[in-house]
Amino acid sequence: MSQNQHVEQKSDINISIEIKNEIVNEMSGRLENLKEDLLDEIEDGKEKAQVSKEIGKVEQALAEIGAVSTPEEARTKTGASTRIKKFVEKLKDSTTTLGKVIGALEDGMGYAQDLAALYNKIAPWAGMPSVP
């Protein structure tokens, strides 16, 4: 590999990492806003604790994806990527606790759609499947 090819490849990886970090940061911010709004909406203490715990796990999974520096490394974080994917799917499923609360929240489906769109932007980079 020539020096120019090596520099170009390194540049592409840096650009991908910067974009990935922007998406992870944006997703984390929106998740934090969603968490606040959901917890304000839920009156049942047990349900509130369940939702808070589940969102906390997704926040941790996002931090894991955010900490990796290559797509190959991201692909080893299958637990984190699966957790994020399942969370996004639950937001759109009105039979789940999250889905029910999102449905009751003003512009809750907007939150779900925004998080799904952000997830779908980062999914190919990390070798994760997209969500509808």
N, C-alpha and C. Protein backbone atom coordinates (compact mmCIF):
# COMPACT_ATOMS: atom_id res chain seq x y z
N MET A 1 0.85 -1.17 0.00
CA MET A 1 0.00 0.00 0.00
C MET A 1 0.90 1.24 0.00
N SER A 2 0.61 2.15 -0.91
CA SER A 2 1.42 3.36 -0.97
C SER A 2 1.06 4.29 0.18
N GLN A 3 1.91 5.27 0.41
CA GLN A 3 1.67 6.20 1.50
C GLN A 3 0.38 6.99 1.26
N ASN A 4 0.11 7.38 -0.01
CA ASN A 4 -1.11 8.12 -0.32
C ASN A 4 -2.36 7.28 -0.04
N GLN A 5 -2.32 5.98 -0.41
CA GLN A 5 -3.46 5.11 -0.15
C GLN A 5 -3.69 4.98 1.36
N HIS A 6 -2.60 4.84 2.10
CA HIS A 6 -2.71 4.72 3.55
C HIS A 6 -3.32 5.99 4.15
N VAL A 7 -2.87 7.15 3.70
CA VAL A 7 -3.40 8.43 4.20
C VAL A 7 -4.88 8.56 3.84
N GLU A 8 -5.25 8.21 2.59
CA GLU A 8 -6.65 8.28 2.18
C GLU A 8 -7.51 7.35 3.02
N GLN A 9 -7.05 6.11 3.25
CA GLN A 9 -7.80 5.15 4.03
C GLN A 9 -7.97 5.66 5.47
N LYS A 10 -6.90 6.19 6.04
CA LYS A 10 -6.97 6.73 7.40
C LYS A 10 -7.93 7.91 7.44
N SER A 11 -7.92 8.75 6.43
CA SER A 11 -8.82 9.90 6.35
C SER A 11 -10.27 9.44 6.29
N ASP A 12 -10.56 8.40 5.48
CA ASP A 12 -11.92 7.88 5.38
C ASP A 12 -12.40 7.35 6.73
N ILE A 13 -11.52 6.66 7.45
CA ILE A 13 -11.89 6.14 8.76
C ILE A 13 -12.17 7.28 9.72
N ASN A 14 -11.33 8.33 9.70
CA ASN A 14 -11.57 9.47 10.58
C ASN A 14 -12.88 10.16 10.26
N ILE A 15 -13.18 10.32 9.00
CA ILE A 15 -14.46 10.94 8.62
C ILE A 15 -15.61 10.08 9.11
N SER A 16 -15.52 8.78 8.94
CA SER A 16 -16.57 7.88 9.40
C SER A 16 -16.74 7.96 10.91
N ILE A 17 -15.64 8.02 11.63
CA ILE A 17 -15.70 8.11 13.08
C ILE A 17 -16.33 9.42 13.52
N GLU A 18 -15.96 10.52 12.86
CA GLU A 18 -16.55 11.81 13.21
C GLU A 18 -18.05 11.81 12.98
N ILE A 19 -18.48 11.27 11.85
CA ILE A 19 -19.91 11.21 11.54
C ILE A 19 -20.61 10.30 12.55
N LYS A 20 -20.00 9.15 12.82
CA LYS A 20 -20.58 8.22 13.80
C LYS A 20 -20.72 8.90 15.15
N ASN A 21 -19.69 9.62 15.58
CA ASN A 21 -19.74 10.30 16.87
C ASN A 21 -20.84 11.37 16.91
N GLU A 22 -21.00 12.10 15.81
CA GLU A 22 -22.08 13.10 15.74
C GLU A 22 -23.44 12.43 15.88
N ILE A 23 -23.62 11.31 15.19
CA ILE A 23 -24.91 10.60 15.25
C ILE A 23 -25.14 10.04 16.65
N VAL A 24 -24.12 9.44 17.25
CA VAL A 24 -24.26 8.89 18.60
C VAL A 24 -24.58 10.02 19.58
N ASN A 25 -23.90 11.15 19.46
CA ASN A 25 -24.18 12.28 20.35
C ASN A 25 -25.59 12.80 20.18
N GLU A 26 -26.03 12.92 18.93
CA GLU A 26 -27.40 13.39 18.68
C GLU A 26 -28.41 12.39 19.21
N MET A 27 -28.16 11.13 18.99
CA MET A 27 -29.06 10.09 19.46
C MET A 27 -29.11 10.10 21.00
N SER A 28 -27.97 10.27 21.65
CA SER A 28 -27.93 10.32 23.11
C SER A 28 -28.72 11.50 23.64
N GLY A 29 -28.59 12.66 22.99
CA GLY A 29 -29.34 13.84 23.41
C GLY A 29 -30.84 13.65 23.27
N ARG A 30 -31.25 13.08 22.15
CA ARG A 30 -32.69 12.84 21.94
C ARG A 30 -33.22 11.79 22.90
N LEU A 31 -32.39 10.79 23.20
CA LEU A 31 -32.79 9.76 24.15
C LEU A 31 -32.96 10.36 25.54
N GLU A 32 -32.08 11.27 25.92
CA GLU A 32 -32.20 11.94 27.22
C GLU A 32 -33.49 12.75 27.29
N ASN A 33 -33.82 13.48 26.22
CA ASN A 33 -35.07 14.24 26.18
C ASN A 33 -36.27 13.31 26.27
N LEU A 34 -36.21 12.21 25.53
CA LEU A 34 -37.30 11.23 25.57
C LEU A 34 -37.46 10.67 26.97
N LYS A 35 -36.35 10.34 27.60
CA LYS A 35 -36.39 9.78 28.96
C LYS A 35 -37.09 10.75 29.91
N GLU A 36 -36.72 12.00 29.85
CA GLU A 36 -37.35 13.00 30.73
C GLU A 36 -38.84 13.08 30.48
N ASP A 37 -39.23 13.16 29.20
CA ASP A 37 -40.65 13.29 28.86
C ASP A 37 -41.43 12.03 29.22
N LEU A 38 -40.85 10.87 28.98
CA LEU A 38 -41.54 9.62 29.32
C LEU A 38 -41.73 9.50 30.83
N LEU A 39 -40.68 9.78 31.59
CA LEU A 39 -40.78 9.64 33.03
C LEU A 39 -41.76 10.64 33.64
N ASP A 40 -41.89 11.80 33.02
CA ASP A 40 -42.91 12.77 33.46
C ASP A 40 -44.32 12.25 33.17
N GLU A 41 -44.47 11.50 32.09
CA GLU A 41 -45.77 10.99 31.65
C GLU A 41 -46.25 9.80 32.48
N ILE A 42 -45.33 8.97 32.93
CA ILE A 42 -45.68 7.72 33.62
C ILE A 42 -45.98 8.00 35.09
N GLU A 43 -47.13 7.54 35.54
CA GLU A 43 -47.50 7.74 36.94
C GLU A 43 -47.20 6.52 37.80
N ASP A 44 -47.28 5.34 37.22
CA ASP A 44 -47.05 4.11 37.95
C ASP A 44 -45.56 3.97 38.29
N GLY A 45 -45.24 3.83 39.57
CA GLY A 45 -43.84 3.78 40.02
C GLY A 45 -43.07 2.60 39.46
N LYS A 46 -43.71 1.42 39.39
CA LYS A 46 -43.05 0.23 38.87
C LYS A 46 -42.75 0.38 37.38
N GLU A 47 -43.72 0.89 36.66
CA GLU A 47 -43.55 1.11 35.21
C GLU A 47 -42.47 2.16 34.95
N LYS A 48 -42.47 3.21 35.76
CA LYS A 48 -41.47 4.28 35.64
C LYS A 48 -40.07 3.72 35.85
N ALA A 49 -39.91 2.87 36.86
CA ALA A 49 -38.60 2.26 37.14
C ALA A 49 -38.17 1.35 35.99
N GLN A 50 -39.12 0.60 35.43
CA GLN A 50 -38.81 -0.30 34.32
C GLN A 50 -38.34 0.48 33.10
N VAL A 51 -39.05 1.54 32.75
CA VAL A 51 -38.69 2.36 31.60
C VAL A 51 -37.35 3.05 31.83
N SER A 52 -37.14 3.56 33.01
CA SER A 52 -35.87 4.23 33.34
C SER A 52 -34.70 3.25 33.22
N LYS A 53 -34.88 2.04 33.72
CA LYS A 53 -33.83 1.02 33.65
C LYS A 53 -33.55 0.66 32.19
N GLU A 54 -34.59 0.48 31.41
CA GLU A 54 -34.41 0.10 30.00
C GLU A 54 -33.69 1.21 29.22
N ILE A 55 -34.07 2.44 29.44
CA ILE A 55 -33.40 3.55 28.76
C ILE A 55 -31.95 3.68 29.23
N GLY A 56 -31.70 3.43 30.50
CA GLY A 56 -30.34 3.44 31.01
C GLY A 56 -29.45 2.42 30.31
N LYS A 57 -30.00 1.26 30.03
CA LYS A 57 -29.24 0.23 29.31
C LYS A 57 -28.95 0.66 27.88
N VAL A 58 -29.90 1.35 27.26
CA VAL A 58 -29.70 1.85 25.89
C VAL A 58 -28.65 2.96 25.90
N GLU A 59 -28.68 3.81 26.91
CA GLU A 59 -27.66 4.86 27.03
C GLU A 59 -26.27 4.23 27.15
N GLN A 60 -26.17 3.16 27.92
CA GLN A 60 -24.89 2.47 28.07
C GLN A 60 -24.46 1.83 26.74
N ALA A 61 -25.40 1.26 26.01
CA ALA A 61 -25.10 0.65 24.71
C ALA A 61 -24.62 1.71 23.73
N LEU A 62 -25.25 2.88 23.73
CA LEU A 62 -24.81 3.97 22.86
C LEU A 62 -23.40 4.42 23.22
N ALA A 63 -23.10 4.46 24.51
CA ALA A 63 -21.75 4.83 24.95
C ALA A 63 -20.73 3.81 24.44
N GLU A 64 -21.10 2.53 24.45
CA GLU A 64 -20.19 1.50 23.95
C GLU A 64 -19.93 1.68 22.46
N ILE A 65 -20.98 1.94 21.69
CA ILE A 65 -20.83 2.16 20.25
C ILE A 65 -20.03 3.45 20.02
N GLY A 66 -20.28 4.46 20.82
CA GLY A 66 -19.56 5.72 20.69
C GLY A 66 -18.07 5.60 20.97
N ALA A 67 -17.71 4.63 21.79
CA ALA A 67 -16.30 4.49 22.20
C ALA A 67 -15.45 3.74 21.19
N VAL A 68 -16.06 3.07 20.23
CA VAL A 68 -15.27 2.30 19.27
C VAL A 68 -14.74 3.21 18.17
N SER A 69 -13.64 2.77 17.55
CA SER A 69 -13.01 3.64 16.56
C SER A 69 -12.99 3.06 15.15
N THR A 70 -13.48 1.85 14.98
CA THR A 70 -13.54 1.27 13.63
C THR A 70 -14.84 0.49 13.47
N PRO A 71 -15.31 0.35 12.26
CA PRO A 71 -16.50 -0.48 12.03
C PRO A 71 -16.29 -1.91 12.51
N GLU A 72 -15.08 -2.43 12.32
CA GLU A 72 -14.79 -3.79 12.75
C GLU A 72 -14.95 -3.94 14.26
N GLU A 73 -14.46 -2.94 14.98
CA GLU A 73 -14.60 -2.95 16.44
C GLU A 73 -16.07 -2.84 16.84
N ALA A 74 -16.84 -2.03 16.12
CA ALA A 74 -18.26 -1.88 16.41
C ALA A 74 -19.00 -3.20 16.22
N ARG A 75 -18.57 -3.96 15.24
CA ARG A 75 -19.24 -5.25 14.96
C ARG A 75 -19.04 -6.25 16.09
N THR A 76 -18.04 -6.03 16.94
CA THR A 76 -17.84 -6.92 18.09
C THR A 76 -18.78 -6.57 19.24
N LYS A 77 -19.42 -5.43 19.14
CA LYS A 77 -20.33 -4.97 20.19
C LYS A 77 -21.76 -5.38 19.86
N THR A 78 -21.95 -6.64 19.54
CA THR A 78 -23.27 -7.10 19.10
C THR A 78 -24.33 -6.93 20.17
N GLY A 79 -23.97 -7.09 21.43
CA GLY A 79 -24.93 -6.90 22.51
C GLY A 79 -25.45 -5.47 22.55
N ALA A 80 -24.54 -4.52 22.40
CA ALA A 80 -24.93 -3.10 22.42
C ALA A 80 -25.80 -2.77 21.22
N SER A 81 -25.40 -3.21 20.05
CA SER A 81 -26.17 -2.88 18.84
C SER A 81 -27.54 -3.55 18.87
N THR A 82 -27.61 -4.77 19.37
CA THR A 82 -28.91 -5.46 19.47
C THR A 82 -29.82 -4.73 20.44
N ARG A 83 -29.27 -4.27 21.56
CA ARG A 83 -30.09 -3.56 22.55
C ARG A 83 -30.67 -2.27 21.95
N ILE A 84 -29.86 -1.54 21.21
CA ILE A 84 -30.34 -0.29 20.60
C ILE A 84 -31.43 -0.60 19.58
N LYS A 85 -31.19 -1.60 18.74
CA LYS A 85 -32.17 -1.98 17.71
C LYS A 85 -33.50 -2.38 18.35
N LYS A 86 -33.45 -3.24 19.35
CA LYS A 86 -34.68 -3.70 20.01
C LYS A 86 -35.43 -2.55 20.67
N PHE A 87 -34.68 -1.62 21.26
CA PHE A 87 -35.30 -0.45 21.88
C PHE A 87 -36.07 0.36 20.84
N VAL A 88 -35.44 0.63 19.72
CA VAL A 88 -36.09 1.41 18.66
C VAL A 88 -37.33 0.68 18.16
N GLU A 89 -37.24 -0.63 18.03
CA GLU A 89 -38.40 -1.41 17.58
C GLU A 89 -39.54 -1.35 18.61
N LYS A 90 -39.20 -1.40 19.90
CA LYS A 90 -40.22 -1.34 20.95
C LYS A 90 -40.96 0.00 20.95
N LEU A 91 -40.24 1.05 20.60
CA LEU A 91 -40.87 2.37 20.58
C LEU A 91 -42.03 2.41 19.59
N LYS A 92 -41.91 1.65 18.52
CA LYS A 92 -42.93 1.64 17.47
C LYS A 92 -43.99 0.58 17.67
N ASP A 93 -43.82 -0.27 18.68
CA ASP A 93 -44.73 -1.39 18.93
C ASP A 93 -45.68 -1.04 20.07
N SER A 94 -46.94 -0.80 19.75
CA SER A 94 -47.91 -0.36 20.75
C SER A 94 -48.29 -1.45 21.75
N THR A 95 -47.79 -2.66 21.58
CA THR A 95 -48.07 -3.72 22.56
C THR A 95 -47.05 -3.75 23.69
N THR A 96 -45.93 -3.01 23.55
CA THR A 96 -44.91 -2.97 24.60
C THR A 96 -45.18 -1.80 25.53
N THR A 97 -44.61 -1.86 26.72
CA THR A 97 -44.76 -0.75 27.67
C THR A 97 -44.24 0.54 27.07
N LEU A 98 -43.06 0.48 26.46
CA LEU A 98 -42.49 1.68 25.83
C LEU A 98 -43.40 2.20 24.72
N GLY A 99 -43.89 1.30 23.90
CA GLY A 99 -44.76 1.69 22.80
C GLY A 99 -46.04 2.36 23.27
N LYS A 100 -46.61 1.83 24.37
CA LYS A 100 -47.84 2.41 24.92
C LYS A 100 -47.59 3.81 25.45
N VAL A 101 -46.48 3.97 26.17
CA VAL A 101 -46.17 5.29 26.74
C VAL A 101 -45.83 6.28 25.63
N ILE A 102 -45.10 5.83 24.62
CA ILE A 102 -44.77 6.70 23.49
C ILE A 102 -46.06 7.16 22.81
N GLY A 103 -47.01 6.23 22.67
CA GLY A 103 -48.28 6.56 22.04
C GLY A 103 -49.06 7.62 22.81
N ALA A 104 -48.92 7.62 24.14
CA ALA A 104 -49.62 8.58 24.98
C ALA A 104 -48.91 9.92 25.07
N LEU A 105 -47.63 9.93 24.74
CA LEU A 105 -46.81 11.13 24.83
C LEU A 105 -47.06 12.04 23.62
N GLU A 106 -47.22 13.33 23.87
CA GLU A 106 -47.39 14.26 22.76
C GLU A 106 -46.16 14.20 21.87
N ASP A 107 -46.36 13.98 20.60
CA ASP A 107 -45.31 13.81 19.60
C ASP A 107 -44.39 12.64 19.92
N GLY A 108 -44.94 11.65 20.62
CA GLY A 108 -44.15 10.47 20.95
C GLY A 108 -43.67 9.73 19.73
N MET A 109 -44.53 9.62 18.71
CA MET A 109 -44.12 8.92 17.50
C MET A 109 -43.04 9.72 16.77
N GLY A 110 -43.01 11.01 16.94
CA GLY A 110 -41.94 11.83 16.38
C GLY A 110 -40.60 11.44 16.99
N TYR A 111 -40.60 11.23 18.33
CA TYR A 111 -39.39 10.76 19.01
C TYR A 111 -38.94 9.41 18.42
N ALA A 112 -39.91 8.51 18.29
CA ALA A 112 -39.60 7.16 17.80
C ALA A 112 -39.03 7.23 16.39
N GLN A 113 -39.65 8.02 15.54
CA GLN A 113 -39.19 8.14 14.15
C GLN A 113 -37.79 8.77 14.08
N ASP A 114 -37.55 9.80 14.89
CA ASP A 114 -36.23 10.44 14.91
C ASP A 114 -35.14 9.47 15.36
N LEU A 115 -35.42 8.71 16.43
CA LEU A 115 -34.44 7.76 16.92
C LEU A 115 -34.20 6.64 15.91
N ALA A 116 -35.27 6.20 15.25
CA ALA A 116 -35.11 5.15 14.23
C ALA A 116 -34.28 5.67 13.06
N ALA A 117 -34.52 6.91 12.65
CA ALA A 117 -33.74 7.48 11.54
C ALA A 117 -32.26 7.60 11.91
N LEU A 118 -31.98 8.04 13.12
CA LEU A 118 -30.58 8.14 13.57
C LEU A 118 -29.94 6.76 13.68
N TYR A 119 -30.69 5.81 14.23
CA TYR A 119 -30.18 4.45 14.32
C TYR A 119 -29.85 3.92 12.92
N ASN A 120 -30.73 4.15 11.96
CA ASN A 120 -30.50 3.65 10.60
C ASN A 120 -29.30 4.30 9.92
N LYS A 121 -28.94 5.51 10.35
CA LYS A 121 -27.74 6.16 9.80
C LYS A 121 -26.46 5.49 10.28
N ILE A 122 -26.47 5.03 11.52
CA ILE A 122 -25.26 4.45 12.08
C ILE A 122 -25.21 2.93 11.90
N ALA A 123 -26.35 2.30 11.68
CA ALA A 123 -26.41 0.84 11.57
C ALA A 123 -25.46 0.25 10.54
N PRO A 124 -25.41 0.77 9.31
CA PRO A 124 -24.49 0.17 8.33
C PRO A 124 -23.03 0.27 8.76
N TRP A 125 -22.64 1.38 9.38
CA TRP A 125 -21.26 1.58 9.83
C TRP A 125 -20.88 0.51 10.84
N ALA A 126 -21.83 0.18 11.73
CA ALA A 126 -21.54 -0.76 12.80
C ALA A 126 -21.94 -2.19 12.47
N GLY A 127 -22.39 -2.41 11.23
CA GLY A 127 -22.78 -3.75 10.83
C GLY A 127 -24.08 -4.21 11.46
N MET A 128 -24.96 -3.25 11.76
CA MET A 128 -26.24 -3.58 12.38
C MET A 128 -27.33 -3.55 11.33
N PRO A 129 -28.39 -4.33 11.51
CA PRO A 129 -29.50 -4.28 10.56
C PRO A 129 -30.32 -3.02 10.77
N SER A 130 -30.90 -2.51 9.71
CA SER A 130 -31.76 -1.33 9.79
C SER A 130 -33.12 -1.72 10.35
N VAL A 131 -33.85 -0.72 10.82
CA VAL A 131 -35.22 -0.94 11.27
C VAL A 131 -36.15 -0.17 10.34
N PRO A 132 -37.38 -0.69 10.18
CA PRO A 132 -38.32 0.02 9.28
C PRO A 132 -38.78 1.34 9.86
